[in-house]
Amino acid sequence: MDPFVGEIRLFSWNWAPRGWLPCDGRELNIQQNVALYSLLSTTYGGNGTTTFCLPDLRVRTPIGFDPTHPPVPTSKRQDGSATKTLPVAVIPAHSHQARASTEAATATAPAGGIPAISPKKVYHAAPVAPAKPVALRSDTVGFAGSGQPMDNTQPSIGSAFFIATTGNYPPQD
């Protein structure tokens, strides 16, 4: 069965068979690829006068596009990334336990320690109604995490996408 011009297939090898080119974003001459250009136009790049580009599916997951259902990428726009650093705004709301000692305090500086019993009245019984939260000094509570990007790659296996440059022209029905 002959392919349609512009058809994209996934092959288990990494070389282009006759009549196919790798989907690697390369720029092609329009005059030498008239049928393919008539289907792709400048969807994936090129100047539209003398050149156009193939889609670049290297280390990308193809996804069907529909402009009525964003945020799915439309045609040439590439989306996503292999790693992502999460900003605080998207980390789920959570709480941390507070720790204190019932032993007598042994240090006057808080570094490396936890709140402990002191002859001075540092804490008091909780009021009947909960008190409003107050901001603590920035050095009393540390942030969790290191701000490093996390791996965002879905389980995958390497294969190669190729596009047909010759074959049957797809009919429009």
N, C-alpha and C. Protein backbone atom coordinates (compact mmCIF):
# COMPACT_ATOMS: atom_id res chain seq x y z
N MET A 1 0.85 -1.18 0.00
CA MET A 1 0.00 0.00 0.00
C MET A 1 0.89 1.24 0.00
N ASP A 2 0.69 2.10 -0.98
CA ASP A 2 1.46 3.34 -1.07
C ASP A 2 0.98 4.33 -0.02
N PRO A 3 1.90 5.10 0.53
CA PRO A 3 1.50 6.10 1.53
C PRO A 3 0.88 7.31 0.85
N PHE A 4 0.17 8.09 1.62
CA PHE A 4 -0.28 9.41 1.17
C PHE A 4 0.88 10.38 1.35
N VAL A 5 1.04 11.31 0.45
CA VAL A 5 2.02 12.38 0.62
C VAL A 5 1.65 13.12 1.91
N GLY A 6 2.62 13.35 2.78
CA GLY A 6 2.37 14.05 4.04
C GLY A 6 2.00 13.13 5.19
N GLU A 7 1.81 11.85 4.91
CA GLU A 7 1.50 10.89 5.96
C GLU A 7 2.71 10.74 6.88
N ILE A 8 2.46 10.68 8.17
CA ILE A 8 3.54 10.51 9.14
C ILE A 8 3.40 9.12 9.77
N ARG A 9 4.53 8.41 9.79
CA ARG A 9 4.54 7.07 10.39
C ARG A 9 5.69 6.97 11.40
N LEU A 10 5.49 6.09 12.34
CA LEU A 10 6.49 5.80 13.36
C LEU A 10 7.18 4.50 12.95
N PHE A 11 8.52 4.56 12.81
CA PHE A 11 9.29 3.38 12.44
C PHE A 11 10.18 2.96 13.60
N SER A 12 10.49 1.67 13.64
CA SER A 12 11.34 1.16 14.72
C SER A 12 12.82 1.28 14.38
N TRP A 13 13.16 1.79 13.23
CA TRP A 13 14.56 2.03 12.87
C TRP A 13 14.79 3.52 12.74
N ASN A 14 16.05 3.94 12.59
CA ASN A 14 16.34 5.37 12.62
C ASN A 14 16.85 5.93 11.30
N TRP A 15 16.51 5.29 10.18
CA TRP A 15 16.90 5.82 8.88
C TRP A 15 15.66 5.93 8.00
N ALA A 16 15.69 6.91 7.09
CA ALA A 16 14.52 7.20 6.25
C ALA A 16 14.50 6.28 5.02
N PRO A 17 13.41 5.53 4.85
CA PRO A 17 13.28 4.74 3.62
C PRO A 17 13.11 5.68 2.41
N ARG A 18 13.28 5.14 1.22
CA ARG A 18 13.10 5.94 0.00
C ARG A 18 11.69 6.54 -0.02
N GLY A 19 11.60 7.83 -0.31
CA GLY A 19 10.31 8.52 -0.36
C GLY A 19 9.84 9.06 0.99
N TRP A 20 10.67 8.97 2.00
CA TRP A 20 10.34 9.45 3.34
C TRP A 20 11.47 10.33 3.85
N LEU A 21 11.15 11.27 4.72
CA LEU A 21 12.15 12.10 5.39
C LEU A 21 11.87 12.10 6.89
N PRO A 22 12.90 12.24 7.71
CA PRO A 22 12.66 12.30 9.15
C PRO A 22 11.90 13.57 9.54
N CYS A 23 11.03 13.44 10.50
CA CYS A 23 10.29 14.61 11.02
C CYS A 23 11.22 15.31 12.00
N ASP A 24 12.16 16.08 11.45
CA ASP A 24 13.19 16.73 12.27
C ASP A 24 13.20 18.24 12.13
N GLY A 25 12.12 18.81 11.58
CA GLY A 25 12.02 20.26 11.47
C GLY A 25 12.82 20.86 10.33
N ARG A 26 13.38 20.03 9.48
CA ARG A 26 14.24 20.55 8.41
C ARG A 26 13.46 21.42 7.43
N GLU A 27 14.19 22.33 6.81
CA GLU A 27 13.63 23.25 5.82
C GLU A 27 13.78 22.61 4.44
N LEU A 28 12.71 22.66 3.64
CA LEU A 28 12.72 22.10 2.29
C LEU A 28 12.41 23.18 1.27
N ASN A 29 12.84 22.93 0.04
CA ASN A 29 12.57 23.83 -1.07
C ASN A 29 11.16 23.55 -1.60
N ILE A 30 10.35 24.57 -1.75
CA ILE A 30 8.98 24.41 -2.21
C ILE A 30 8.94 23.82 -3.61
N GLN A 31 9.75 24.33 -4.53
CA GLN A 31 9.71 23.88 -5.93
C GLN A 31 10.08 22.41 -6.07
N GLN A 32 10.86 21.88 -5.16
CA GLN A 32 11.25 20.47 -5.23
C GLN A 32 10.27 19.56 -4.48
N ASN A 33 9.30 20.15 -3.77
CA ASN A 33 8.35 19.38 -2.95
C ASN A 33 6.97 20.01 -3.02
N VAL A 34 6.48 20.24 -4.23
CA VAL A 34 5.23 20.98 -4.44
C VAL A 34 4.05 20.29 -3.75
N ALA A 35 3.91 18.97 -3.93
CA ALA A 35 2.76 18.26 -3.36
C ALA A 35 2.77 18.34 -1.83
N LEU A 36 3.94 18.11 -1.25
CA LEU A 36 4.04 18.15 0.21
C LEU A 36 3.78 19.57 0.73
N TYR A 37 4.32 20.57 0.03
CA TYR A 37 4.09 21.96 0.44
C TYR A 37 2.60 22.31 0.37
N SER A 38 1.91 21.79 -0.65
CA SER A 38 0.48 22.12 -0.79
C SER A 38 -0.33 21.61 0.41
N LEU A 39 0.20 20.61 1.10
CA LEU A 39 -0.49 20.08 2.28
C LEU A 39 -0.04 20.74 3.58
N LEU A 40 1.27 20.98 3.71
CA LEU A 40 1.81 21.53 4.96
C LEU A 40 1.85 23.04 4.99
N SER A 41 2.05 23.66 3.82
CA SER A 41 2.25 25.11 3.73
C SER A 41 3.34 25.52 4.73
N THR A 42 3.15 26.60 5.46
CA THR A 42 4.16 27.03 6.44
C THR A 42 3.72 26.69 7.87
N THR A 43 2.88 25.65 8.00
CA THR A 43 2.41 25.24 9.32
C THR A 43 3.55 25.02 10.30
N TYR A 44 4.66 24.47 9.83
CA TYR A 44 5.79 24.16 10.71
C TYR A 44 6.99 25.06 10.48
N GLY A 45 6.79 26.14 9.74
CA GLY A 45 7.88 27.10 9.52
C GLY A 45 8.21 27.26 8.04
N GLY A 46 9.21 28.07 7.77
CA GLY A 46 9.60 28.39 6.40
C GLY A 46 9.10 29.77 6.03
N ASN A 47 9.59 30.29 4.90
CA ASN A 47 9.18 31.64 4.51
C ASN A 47 7.96 31.65 3.60
N GLY A 48 7.52 30.49 3.10
CA GLY A 48 6.33 30.42 2.27
C GLY A 48 6.54 30.89 0.84
N THR A 49 7.71 31.38 0.52
CA THR A 49 8.02 31.82 -0.85
C THR A 49 8.90 30.79 -1.54
N THR A 50 9.95 30.40 -0.85
CA THR A 50 10.87 29.42 -1.41
C THR A 50 11.04 28.21 -0.50
N THR A 51 10.69 28.34 0.78
CA THR A 51 10.91 27.24 1.72
C THR A 51 9.71 26.98 2.63
N PHE A 52 9.66 25.75 3.13
CA PHE A 52 8.72 25.36 4.18
C PHE A 52 9.44 24.33 5.05
N CYS A 53 8.90 24.04 6.21
CA CYS A 53 9.57 23.12 7.14
C CYS A 53 8.70 21.90 7.45
N LEU A 54 9.38 20.82 7.74
CA LEU A 54 8.72 19.61 8.20
C LEU A 54 8.44 19.74 9.70
N PRO A 55 7.48 18.99 10.22
CA PRO A 55 7.28 19.02 11.67
C PRO A 55 8.51 18.44 12.37
N ASP A 56 8.78 18.91 13.56
CA ASP A 56 9.91 18.40 14.35
C ASP A 56 9.35 17.55 15.48
N LEU A 57 9.41 16.24 15.30
CA LEU A 57 8.88 15.32 16.31
C LEU A 57 9.99 14.62 17.08
N ARG A 58 11.18 15.19 17.07
CA ARG A 58 12.27 14.64 17.87
C ARG A 58 11.99 14.97 19.34
N VAL A 59 12.00 13.97 20.17
CA VAL A 59 11.76 14.10 21.60
C VAL A 59 10.46 14.87 21.87
N ARG A 60 9.46 14.61 21.07
CA ARG A 60 8.13 15.22 21.21
C ARG A 60 7.07 14.15 21.12
N THR A 61 5.96 14.37 21.76
CA THR A 61 4.82 13.48 21.67
C THR A 61 3.79 14.13 20.76
N PRO A 62 3.45 13.49 19.65
CA PRO A 62 2.43 14.08 18.79
C PRO A 62 1.07 13.99 19.48
N ILE A 63 0.25 14.99 19.24
CA ILE A 63 -1.08 15.02 19.84
C ILE A 63 -2.02 15.65 18.82
N GLY A 64 -3.22 15.11 18.70
CA GLY A 64 -4.19 15.69 17.78
C GLY A 64 -4.54 17.09 18.23
N PHE A 65 -4.72 17.99 17.27
CA PHE A 65 -5.01 19.37 17.66
C PHE A 65 -6.41 19.75 17.22
N ASP A 66 -7.01 20.61 18.03
CA ASP A 66 -8.35 21.13 17.77
C ASP A 66 -8.41 22.52 18.37
N PRO A 67 -8.48 23.56 17.52
CA PRO A 67 -8.46 24.92 18.06
C PRO A 67 -9.63 25.24 18.99
N THR A 68 -10.67 24.41 19.02
CA THR A 68 -11.80 24.67 19.91
C THR A 68 -11.58 24.08 21.30
N HIS A 69 -10.48 23.37 21.50
CA HIS A 69 -10.20 22.75 22.80
C HIS A 69 -8.80 23.10 23.29
N PRO A 70 -8.52 24.37 23.59
CA PRO A 70 -7.22 24.70 24.16
C PRO A 70 -7.11 24.04 25.53
N PRO A 71 -5.98 23.80 26.09
CA PRO A 71 -4.66 24.27 25.69
C PRO A 71 -3.89 23.30 24.81
N VAL A 72 -4.56 22.38 24.10
CA VAL A 72 -3.85 21.50 23.19
C VAL A 72 -3.14 22.36 22.14
N PRO A 73 -1.86 22.09 21.88
CA PRO A 73 -1.13 22.92 20.92
C PRO A 73 -1.77 22.90 19.55
N THR A 74 -1.81 24.02 18.89
CA THR A 74 -2.32 24.07 17.54
C THR A 74 -1.15 24.01 16.57
N SER A 75 -1.24 23.17 15.62
CA SER A 75 -0.26 22.91 14.57
C SER A 75 1.18 23.13 14.99
N LYS A 76 1.83 24.21 14.57
CA LYS A 76 3.28 24.32 14.74
C LYS A 76 3.75 24.66 16.15
N ARG A 77 2.84 25.06 17.04
CA ARG A 77 3.27 25.42 18.38
C ARG A 77 3.69 24.18 19.15
N GLN A 78 4.88 24.20 19.72
CA GLN A 78 5.33 23.10 20.56
C GLN A 78 5.05 23.47 22.01
N ASP A 79 4.63 22.48 22.77
CA ASP A 79 4.26 22.73 24.15
C ASP A 79 4.93 21.71 25.05
N GLY A 80 4.99 22.02 26.32
CA GLY A 80 5.52 21.09 27.30
C GLY A 80 7.03 21.17 27.43
N SER A 81 7.53 20.47 28.43
CA SER A 81 8.98 20.42 28.64
C SER A 81 9.33 19.13 29.38
N ALA A 82 10.57 18.71 29.23
CA ALA A 82 11.02 17.47 29.86
C ALA A 82 11.20 17.64 31.36
N THR A 83 11.46 18.86 31.83
CA THR A 83 11.58 19.13 33.26
C THR A 83 10.73 20.34 33.61
N LYS A 84 10.35 20.42 34.86
CA LYS A 84 9.50 21.52 35.31
C LYS A 84 9.85 21.86 36.75
N THR A 85 9.99 23.15 37.04
CA THR A 85 10.16 23.63 38.40
C THR A 85 8.82 24.19 38.85
N LEU A 86 8.27 23.65 39.91
CA LEU A 86 6.95 24.07 40.37
C LEU A 86 7.05 25.34 41.20
N PRO A 87 6.28 26.37 40.84
CA PRO A 87 6.24 27.56 41.69
C PRO A 87 5.36 27.28 42.91
N VAL A 88 5.55 28.03 43.96
CA VAL A 88 4.79 27.84 45.20
C VAL A 88 3.29 27.91 44.94
N ALA A 89 2.86 28.73 43.98
CA ALA A 89 1.43 28.91 43.72
C ALA A 89 0.73 27.63 43.29
N VAL A 90 1.45 26.64 42.74
CA VAL A 90 0.79 25.42 42.28
C VAL A 90 1.04 24.22 43.18
N ILE A 91 1.80 24.41 44.25
CA ILE A 91 2.01 23.32 45.20
C ILE A 91 0.74 23.20 46.05
N PRO A 92 0.21 21.99 46.22
CA PRO A 92 -1.04 21.84 46.98
C PRO A 92 -0.91 22.40 48.39
N ALA A 93 -2.03 22.95 48.89
CA ALA A 93 -2.06 23.46 50.26
C ALA A 93 -1.76 22.30 51.21
N HIS A 94 -0.94 22.56 52.20
CA HIS A 94 -0.58 21.53 53.16
C HIS A 94 -0.13 22.18 54.46
N SER A 95 0.08 21.37 55.47
CA SER A 95 0.52 21.92 56.75
C SER A 95 1.73 21.13 57.24
N HIS A 96 2.41 21.69 58.21
CA HIS A 96 3.56 21.04 58.82
C HIS A 96 3.30 20.95 60.32
N GLN A 97 3.80 19.90 60.93
CA GLN A 97 3.66 19.77 62.38
C GLN A 97 4.70 20.65 63.05
N ALA A 98 4.29 21.24 64.17
CA ALA A 98 5.24 22.01 64.98
C ALA A 98 5.77 21.08 66.06
N ARG A 99 7.04 21.22 66.36
CA ARG A 99 7.64 20.38 67.40
C ARG A 99 8.15 21.27 68.52
N ALA A 100 8.01 20.79 69.74
CA ALA A 100 8.53 21.49 70.92
C ALA A 100 8.94 20.43 71.94
N SER A 101 9.75 20.84 72.87
CA SER A 101 10.24 19.92 73.90
C SER A 101 9.55 20.23 75.23
N THR A 102 9.33 19.21 76.02
CA THR A 102 8.80 19.41 77.38
C THR A 102 9.95 19.48 78.38
N GLU A 103 11.17 19.43 77.89
CA GLU A 103 12.36 19.54 78.74
C GLU A 103 12.71 21.02 78.93
N ALA A 104 13.54 21.29 79.91
CA ALA A 104 13.99 22.67 80.16
C ALA A 104 14.91 23.12 79.03
N ALA A 105 14.82 24.39 78.72
CA ALA A 105 15.67 24.95 77.67
C ALA A 105 17.13 24.86 78.07
N THR A 106 18.00 24.60 77.10
CA THR A 106 19.43 24.49 77.38
C THR A 106 20.25 25.48 76.57
N ALA A 107 19.60 26.26 75.75
CA ALA A 107 20.33 27.24 74.92
C ALA A 107 19.52 28.52 74.84
N THR A 108 20.20 29.61 74.63
CA THR A 108 19.50 30.89 74.49
C THR A 108 19.27 31.26 73.03
N ALA A 109 20.01 30.63 72.13
CA ALA A 109 19.85 30.91 70.70
C ALA A 109 19.03 29.78 70.06
N PRO A 110 18.15 30.12 69.13
CA PRO A 110 17.29 29.10 68.54
C PRO A 110 17.98 28.21 67.51
N ALA A 111 19.17 28.57 67.05
CA ALA A 111 19.83 27.82 65.98
C ALA A 111 19.99 26.35 66.36
N GLY A 112 19.49 25.48 65.51
CA GLY A 112 19.63 24.05 65.73
C GLY A 112 18.76 23.50 66.84
N GLY A 113 17.92 24.28 67.43
CA GLY A 113 17.10 23.83 68.55
C GLY A 113 15.63 23.89 68.23
N ILE A 114 14.83 23.52 69.24
CA ILE A 114 13.38 23.62 69.15
C ILE A 114 12.89 24.32 70.40
N PRO A 115 11.68 24.90 70.38
CA PRO A 115 11.17 25.56 71.58
C PRO A 115 11.16 24.58 72.76
N ALA A 116 11.48 25.09 73.93
CA ALA A 116 11.55 24.25 75.13
C ALA A 116 11.01 25.04 76.32
N ILE A 117 10.96 24.40 77.49
CA ILE A 117 10.47 25.05 78.71
C ILE A 117 11.49 26.09 79.15
N SER A 118 10.96 27.26 79.50
CA SER A 118 11.84 28.36 79.91
C SER A 118 11.25 29.00 81.16
N PRO A 119 12.11 29.53 82.06
CA PRO A 119 11.57 30.20 83.25
C PRO A 119 10.77 31.44 82.86
N LYS A 120 11.04 32.00 81.70
CA LYS A 120 10.25 33.14 81.24
C LYS A 120 8.99 32.61 80.57
N LYS A 121 7.92 33.33 80.69
CA LYS A 121 6.69 32.88 80.07
C LYS A 121 6.75 33.20 78.57
N VAL A 122 7.03 32.17 77.82
CA VAL A 122 7.13 32.34 76.37
C VAL A 122 5.81 31.97 75.70
N TYR A 123 5.12 30.97 76.23
CA TYR A 123 3.87 30.51 75.65
C TYR A 123 2.78 30.59 76.72
N HIS A 124 1.54 30.56 76.28
CA HIS A 124 0.44 30.50 77.23
C HIS A 124 -0.63 29.58 76.67
N ALA A 125 -1.60 29.26 77.50
CA ALA A 125 -2.66 28.36 77.07
C ALA A 125 -3.40 28.95 75.88
N ALA A 126 -3.86 28.07 75.04
CA ALA A 126 -4.56 28.53 73.85
C ALA A 126 -5.86 29.21 74.25
N PRO A 127 -6.20 30.31 73.58
CA PRO A 127 -7.47 30.97 73.88
C PRO A 127 -8.65 30.11 73.43
N VAL A 128 -9.83 30.44 73.95
CA VAL A 128 -11.02 29.68 73.58
C VAL A 128 -11.25 29.78 72.08
N ALA A 129 -11.18 30.97 71.54
CA ALA A 129 -11.32 31.15 70.09
C ALA A 129 -9.92 31.13 69.48
N PRO A 130 -9.76 30.46 68.36
CA PRO A 130 -8.43 30.43 67.74
C PRO A 130 -7.95 31.84 67.40
N ALA A 131 -6.70 32.08 67.65
CA ALA A 131 -6.11 33.38 67.32
C ALA A 131 -5.86 33.45 65.81
N LYS A 132 -5.82 34.67 65.31
CA LYS A 132 -5.50 34.86 63.89
C LYS A 132 -4.04 34.50 63.66
N PRO A 133 -3.74 33.90 62.52
CA PRO A 133 -2.33 33.59 62.24
C PRO A 133 -1.49 34.86 62.20
N VAL A 134 -0.27 34.75 62.63
CA VAL A 134 0.66 35.87 62.57
C VAL A 134 1.89 35.44 61.79
N ALA A 135 2.53 36.40 61.17
CA ALA A 135 3.75 36.10 60.43
C ALA A 135 4.91 35.93 61.40
N LEU A 136 5.68 34.90 61.19
CA LEU A 136 6.87 34.68 61.99
C LEU A 136 8.07 35.30 61.28
N ARG A 137 9.13 35.46 61.99
CA ARG A 137 10.35 35.94 61.34
C ARG A 137 10.73 34.94 60.25
N SER A 138 11.29 35.47 59.18
CA SER A 138 11.61 34.60 58.05
C SER A 138 12.61 33.51 58.40
N ASP A 139 13.43 33.72 59.42
CA ASP A 139 14.43 32.71 59.76
C ASP A 139 13.92 31.68 60.78
N THR A 140 12.65 31.76 61.17
CA THR A 140 12.13 30.78 62.12
C THR A 140 11.50 29.58 61.44
N VAL A 141 11.09 29.75 60.22
CA VAL A 141 10.48 28.65 59.48
C VAL A 141 11.20 28.54 58.14
N GLY A 142 11.70 27.37 57.85
CA GLY A 142 12.42 27.18 56.59
C GLY A 142 11.49 26.67 55.50
N PHE A 143 11.88 26.90 54.28
CA PHE A 143 11.14 26.39 53.14
C PHE A 143 11.53 24.95 52.88
N ALA A 144 10.60 24.17 52.40
CA ALA A 144 10.90 22.80 52.01
C ALA A 144 11.27 22.80 50.53
N GLY A 145 12.07 21.86 50.12
CA GLY A 145 12.45 21.74 48.71
C GLY A 145 13.65 22.59 48.38
N SER A 146 14.14 22.39 47.17
CA SER A 146 15.35 23.10 46.76
C SER A 146 15.15 23.91 45.49
N GLY A 147 13.96 23.88 44.91
CA GLY A 147 13.71 24.65 43.70
C GLY A 147 14.31 24.02 42.45
N GLN A 148 14.70 22.76 42.55
CA GLN A 148 15.28 22.09 41.39
C GLN A 148 14.17 21.57 40.48
N PRO A 149 14.41 21.56 39.16
CA PRO A 149 13.40 21.01 38.25
C PRO A 149 13.18 19.52 38.51
N MET A 150 11.94 19.09 38.36
CA MET A 150 11.63 17.67 38.49
C MET A 150 11.48 17.08 37.10
N ASP A 151 11.71 15.79 36.98
CA ASP A 151 11.56 15.12 35.70
C ASP A 151 10.08 15.07 35.35
N ASN A 152 9.75 15.45 34.14
CA ASN A 152 8.37 15.53 33.70
C ASN A 152 8.15 14.61 32.50
N THR A 153 9.07 13.68 32.26
CA THR A 153 9.00 12.83 31.08
C THR A 153 8.09 11.64 31.35
N GLN A 154 7.14 11.43 30.45
CA GLN A 154 6.28 10.27 30.59
C GLN A 154 7.05 9.02 30.20
N PRO A 155 6.63 7.85 30.69
CA PRO A 155 7.31 6.62 30.27
C PRO A 155 7.26 6.53 28.74
N SER A 156 8.38 6.23 28.13
CA SER A 156 8.44 6.25 26.67
C SER A 156 9.52 5.33 26.16
N ILE A 157 9.50 5.13 24.86
CA ILE A 157 10.54 4.36 24.18
C ILE A 157 10.89 5.11 22.91
N GLY A 158 12.14 5.13 22.58
CA GLY A 158 12.59 5.89 21.42
C GLY A 158 12.25 5.19 20.11
N SER A 159 11.66 5.92 19.21
CA SER A 159 11.37 5.48 17.85
C SER A 159 11.49 6.72 16.98
N ALA A 160 11.37 6.55 15.68
CA ALA A 160 11.56 7.69 14.78
C ALA A 160 10.32 7.93 13.93
N PHE A 161 9.93 9.21 13.82
CA PHE A 161 8.82 9.61 12.96
C PHE A 161 9.37 10.04 11.61
N PHE A 162 8.68 9.60 10.55
CA PHE A 162 9.05 9.97 9.18
C PHE A 162 7.81 10.43 8.45
N ILE A 163 8.00 11.33 7.48
CA ILE A 163 6.90 11.86 6.69
C ILE A 163 7.10 11.46 5.24
N ALA A 164 6.02 11.03 4.59
CA ALA A 164 6.09 10.60 3.19
C ALA A 164 6.20 11.83 2.29
N THR A 165 7.20 11.81 1.41
CA THR A 165 7.38 12.90 0.44
C THR A 165 6.86 12.50 -0.93
N THR A 166 6.62 11.20 -1.12
CA THR A 166 6.05 10.70 -2.38
C THR A 166 4.92 9.76 -2.03
N GLY A 167 4.07 9.49 -3.00
CA GLY A 167 2.95 8.59 -2.80
C GLY A 167 1.70 9.18 -3.41
N ASN A 168 0.56 8.72 -2.95
CA ASN A 168 -0.72 9.21 -3.45
C ASN A 168 -1.07 10.53 -2.78
N TYR A 169 -1.65 11.43 -3.58
CA TYR A 169 -2.10 12.69 -3.00
C TYR A 169 -3.42 12.41 -2.30
N PRO A 170 -3.57 12.82 -1.03
CA PRO A 170 -4.80 12.49 -0.30
C PRO A 170 -6.02 13.19 -0.88
N PRO A 171 -7.08 12.42 -1.16
CA PRO A 171 -8.30 13.05 -1.69
C PRO A 171 -9.06 13.76 -0.57
N GLN A 172 -9.74 14.82 -0.92
CA GLN A 172 -10.59 15.52 0.06
C GLN A 172 -12.03 15.11 -0.18
N ASP A 173 -12.64 14.51 0.82
CA ASP A 173 -14.04 14.10 0.71
C ASP A 173 -14.87 14.83 1.71
